Amino acid sequence: MAIPLRLSSYLDQRGAQYEICAHLRSRTSAQTARTANVPAHELAKSVIVEDDTGCVMAVLPADKKLRLGELSRLLGRRNLRLADERRIAELFTDCDLGAVPALGMAWGIETVVDDELESCPTIYVEAGDHERLLRLSHDQFHALMLTARHGRFCAESMH
C-alpha cells in the first residue's frame, strides 16, 4: 500500500525530502519503534483531541504521554478530551486506525508539536499504515511544522 495520496501530495507541494522505511507490522507506537529499529523518542506520534470547537492533533515523542491539562492551557481550550476511534476513523479515512501520520495539516487539522521533538536529529512519522514510516531530517520536520503551534505538553510514560 502506498502512503495516502493526501499525505504524499502535501509533502510534494512543500518539496519535502523524506524516505519511506518499511518495518514489520506493529500495533502500538512503542512496538513500531522496536520493529523499525528507531529510537522511540525520534518517532513522532499523533494524539487526536477534541472539544466542541473541533479537533486538534498533538504531536509528541512515542515514548512520552500527553498531558491534556498542559495542552488545554497552551491552546486556551478548557474542555479538550481524547477523540474516540470512530471520530478518528472519520477524519482519516485513508489511514489505518492507530497509524495516523503526525502531519495533521495535510488533513486540514490544527496541529501542535511538543518541543521535545526539536532536539531530535531525525524524526520518524507514521505513513498511514502499520508497516511504513517516513524518515525526515530535523530540518525537514521543522520546516513542515513551521505553521504548527509549539509548546511543552508531554511527560514521561510509565512504561
Protein backbone atom coordinates (compact mmCIF):
# COMPACT_ATOMS: atom_id res chain seq x y z
CA MET A 1 0.00 0.00 0.00
CA ALA A 2 1.31 3.43 -0.91
CA ILE A 3 1.24 6.28 1.55
CA PRO A 4 -2.08 8.19 1.48
CA LEU A 5 -2.41 10.46 -1.56
CA ARG A 6 -3.34 13.40 0.66
CA LEU A 7 -0.08 12.96 2.59
CA SER A 8 2.17 12.46 -0.46
CA SER A 9 0.56 15.47 -2.20
CA TYR A 10 1.07 17.62 0.89
CA LEU A 11 4.74 16.60 1.13
CA ASP A 12 5.32 17.04 -2.62
CA GLN A 13 3.73 20.51 -2.65
CA ARG A 14 6.23 21.54 0.02
CA GLY A 15 9.21 19.95 -1.70
CA ALA A 16 9.73 17.72 1.34
CA GLN A 17 12.62 15.29 1.31
CA TYR A 18 11.75 12.02 3.04
CA GLU A 19 12.49 8.35 2.96
CA ILE A 20 9.89 5.59 3.33
CA CYS A 21 11.05 2.93 5.79
CA ALA A 22 9.25 -0.41 5.80
CA HIS A 23 9.02 -2.38 9.04
CA LEU A 24 7.26 -5.43 10.41
CA ARG A 25 3.58 -4.89 11.15
CA SER A 26 3.07 -3.27 14.54
CA ARG A 27 0.12 -2.15 16.63
CA THR A 28 1.49 0.47 19.05
CA SER A 29 3.99 3.28 18.66
CA ALA A 30 6.35 1.59 21.14
CA GLN A 31 6.16 -1.62 19.11
CA THR A 32 6.67 0.36 15.89
CA ALA A 33 9.87 1.91 17.27
CA ARG A 34 11.16 -1.57 18.20
CA THR A 35 10.25 -3.30 14.91
CA ALA A 36 11.55 -0.38 12.82
CA ASN A 37 14.69 -0.22 14.99
CA VAL A 38 14.35 3.52 15.63
CA PRO A 39 14.68 5.36 18.96
CA ALA A 40 11.18 5.82 20.44
CA HIS A 41 11.91 9.47 21.23
CA GLU A 42 12.51 10.09 17.49
CA LEU A 43 9.14 8.58 16.50
CA ALA A 44 6.53 11.37 16.40
CA LYS A 45 3.14 10.01 17.41
CA SER A 46 -0.14 11.79 16.89
CA VAL A 47 -2.84 12.05 19.54
CA ILE A 48 -6.20 13.43 18.42
CA VAL A 49 -8.09 15.51 20.97
CA GLU A 50 -11.32 17.42 20.56
CA ASP A 51 -13.83 19.76 22.12
CA ASP A 52 -16.96 21.47 20.83
CA THR A 53 -14.75 23.75 18.68
CA GLY A 54 -13.21 20.83 16.78
CA CYS A 55 -10.22 18.52 16.66
CA VAL A 56 -6.54 19.14 17.29
CA MET A 57 -3.60 16.84 16.59
CA ALA A 58 -0.99 16.78 19.33
CA VAL A 59 2.40 15.54 18.10
CA LEU A 60 4.83 14.17 20.68
CA PRO A 61 7.59 11.57 21.02
CA ALA A 62 6.31 7.97 21.06
CA ASP A 63 7.96 7.30 24.42
CA LYS A 64 6.05 10.13 26.13
CA LYS A 65 2.47 10.62 27.23
CA LEU A 66 0.19 13.56 26.57
CA ARG A 67 -0.55 15.92 29.46
CA LEU A 68 -4.03 17.00 28.42
CA GLY A 69 -4.17 19.78 31.03
CA GLU A 70 -0.96 21.35 29.72
CA LEU A 71 -2.17 21.13 26.14
CA SER A 72 -5.51 22.69 27.11
CA ARG A 73 -3.72 25.60 28.81
CA LEU A 74 -1.40 26.08 25.84
CA LEU A 75 -4.33 26.25 23.42
CA GLY A 76 -6.69 28.12 25.74
CA ARG A 77 -9.30 25.38 25.34
CA ARG A 78 -10.80 24.09 28.58
CA ASN A 79 -12.83 21.05 27.54
CA LEU A 80 -10.35 19.05 25.45
CA ARG A 81 -10.75 15.28 25.59
CA LEU A 82 -9.28 12.36 23.67
CA ALA A 83 -11.17 11.75 20.43
CA ASP A 84 -12.71 8.30 20.15
CA GLU A 85 -11.70 5.80 17.47
CA ARG A 86 -14.88 6.38 15.43
CA ARG A 87 -14.15 10.12 15.18
CA ILE A 88 -10.50 9.47 14.21
CA ALA A 89 -11.59 6.96 11.53
CA GLU A 90 -13.99 9.60 10.11
CA LEU A 91 -11.21 12.20 9.90
CA PHE A 92 -8.53 9.91 8.48
CA THR A 93 -10.45 7.64 6.11
CA ASP A 94 -7.28 6.98 4.10
CA CYS A 95 -5.24 5.80 7.11
CA ASP A 96 -5.26 2.71 9.28
CA LEU A 97 -6.50 3.36 12.79
CA GLY A 98 -3.52 3.83 15.08
CA ALA A 99 -1.20 4.79 12.22
CA VAL A 100 -2.26 8.40 11.63
CA PRO A 101 0.67 10.49 10.31
CA ALA A 102 1.77 13.27 12.68
CA LEU A 103 1.16 15.87 9.96
CA GLY A 104 -2.41 16.92 10.67
CA MET A 105 -2.06 19.95 8.40
CA ALA A 106 -2.32 17.61 5.39
CA TRP A 107 -5.88 16.85 6.53
CA GLY A 108 -6.66 20.44 7.50
CA ILE A 109 -6.43 19.68 11.21
CA GLU A 110 -4.88 22.13 13.66
CA THR A 111 -1.57 20.65 14.76
CA VAL A 112 0.52 21.38 17.84
CA VAL A 113 4.03 19.97 18.33
CA ASP A 114 5.79 19.24 21.59
CA ASP A 115 9.16 20.99 21.87
CA GLU A 116 10.85 17.69 22.85
CA LEU A 117 10.90 16.73 19.17
CA GLU A 118 13.03 19.79 18.34
CA SER A 119 16.13 18.14 19.82
CA CYS A 120 15.97 15.07 17.56
CA PRO A 121 18.36 14.85 14.59
CA THR A 122 15.89 12.62 12.72
CA ILE A 123 12.13 12.32 13.08
CA TYR A 124 10.06 9.31 12.05
CA VAL A 125 6.36 9.69 11.30
CA GLU A 126 3.70 7.03 10.71
CA ALA A 127 2.94 6.78 6.99
CA GLY A 128 -0.74 5.87 7.34
CA ASP A 129 -0.45 2.12 7.80
CA HIS A 130 1.15 -0.23 10.31
CA GLU A 131 4.11 -1.19 8.11
CA ARG A 132 5.75 2.07 6.99
CA LEU A 133 7.35 5.15 8.48
CA LEU A 134 8.52 8.38 6.91
CA ARG A 135 12.06 9.36 7.85
CA LEU A 136 12.62 13.13 7.95
CA SER A 137 15.68 15.13 8.85
CA HIS A 138 15.35 17.55 11.77
CA ASP A 139 15.40 20.50 9.36
CA GLN A 140 12.77 18.93 7.10
CA PHE A 141 10.44 18.15 10.03
CA HIS A 142 10.96 21.65 11.41
CA ALA A 143 10.13 23.20 8.03
CA LEU A 144 6.94 21.12 7.74
CA MET A 145 5.91 22.14 11.28
CA LEU A 146 6.54 25.89 10.89
CA THR A 147 2.81 26.64 10.74
CA ALA A 148 2.03 24.44 13.77
CA ARG A 149 1.89 25.74 17.34
CA HIS A 150 4.73 24.56 19.57
CA GLY A 151 4.92 24.05 23.32
CA ARG A 152 5.53 21.60 26.14
CA PHE A 153 2.72 19.19 26.88
CA CYS A 154 4.24 15.73 27.24
CA ALA A 155 5.51 13.77 30.24
CA GLU A 156 7.47 10.60 30.85
CA SER A 157 5.45 7.50 30.03
CA MET A 158 5.04 4.86 32.70
CA HIS A 159 6.42 2.04 30.52
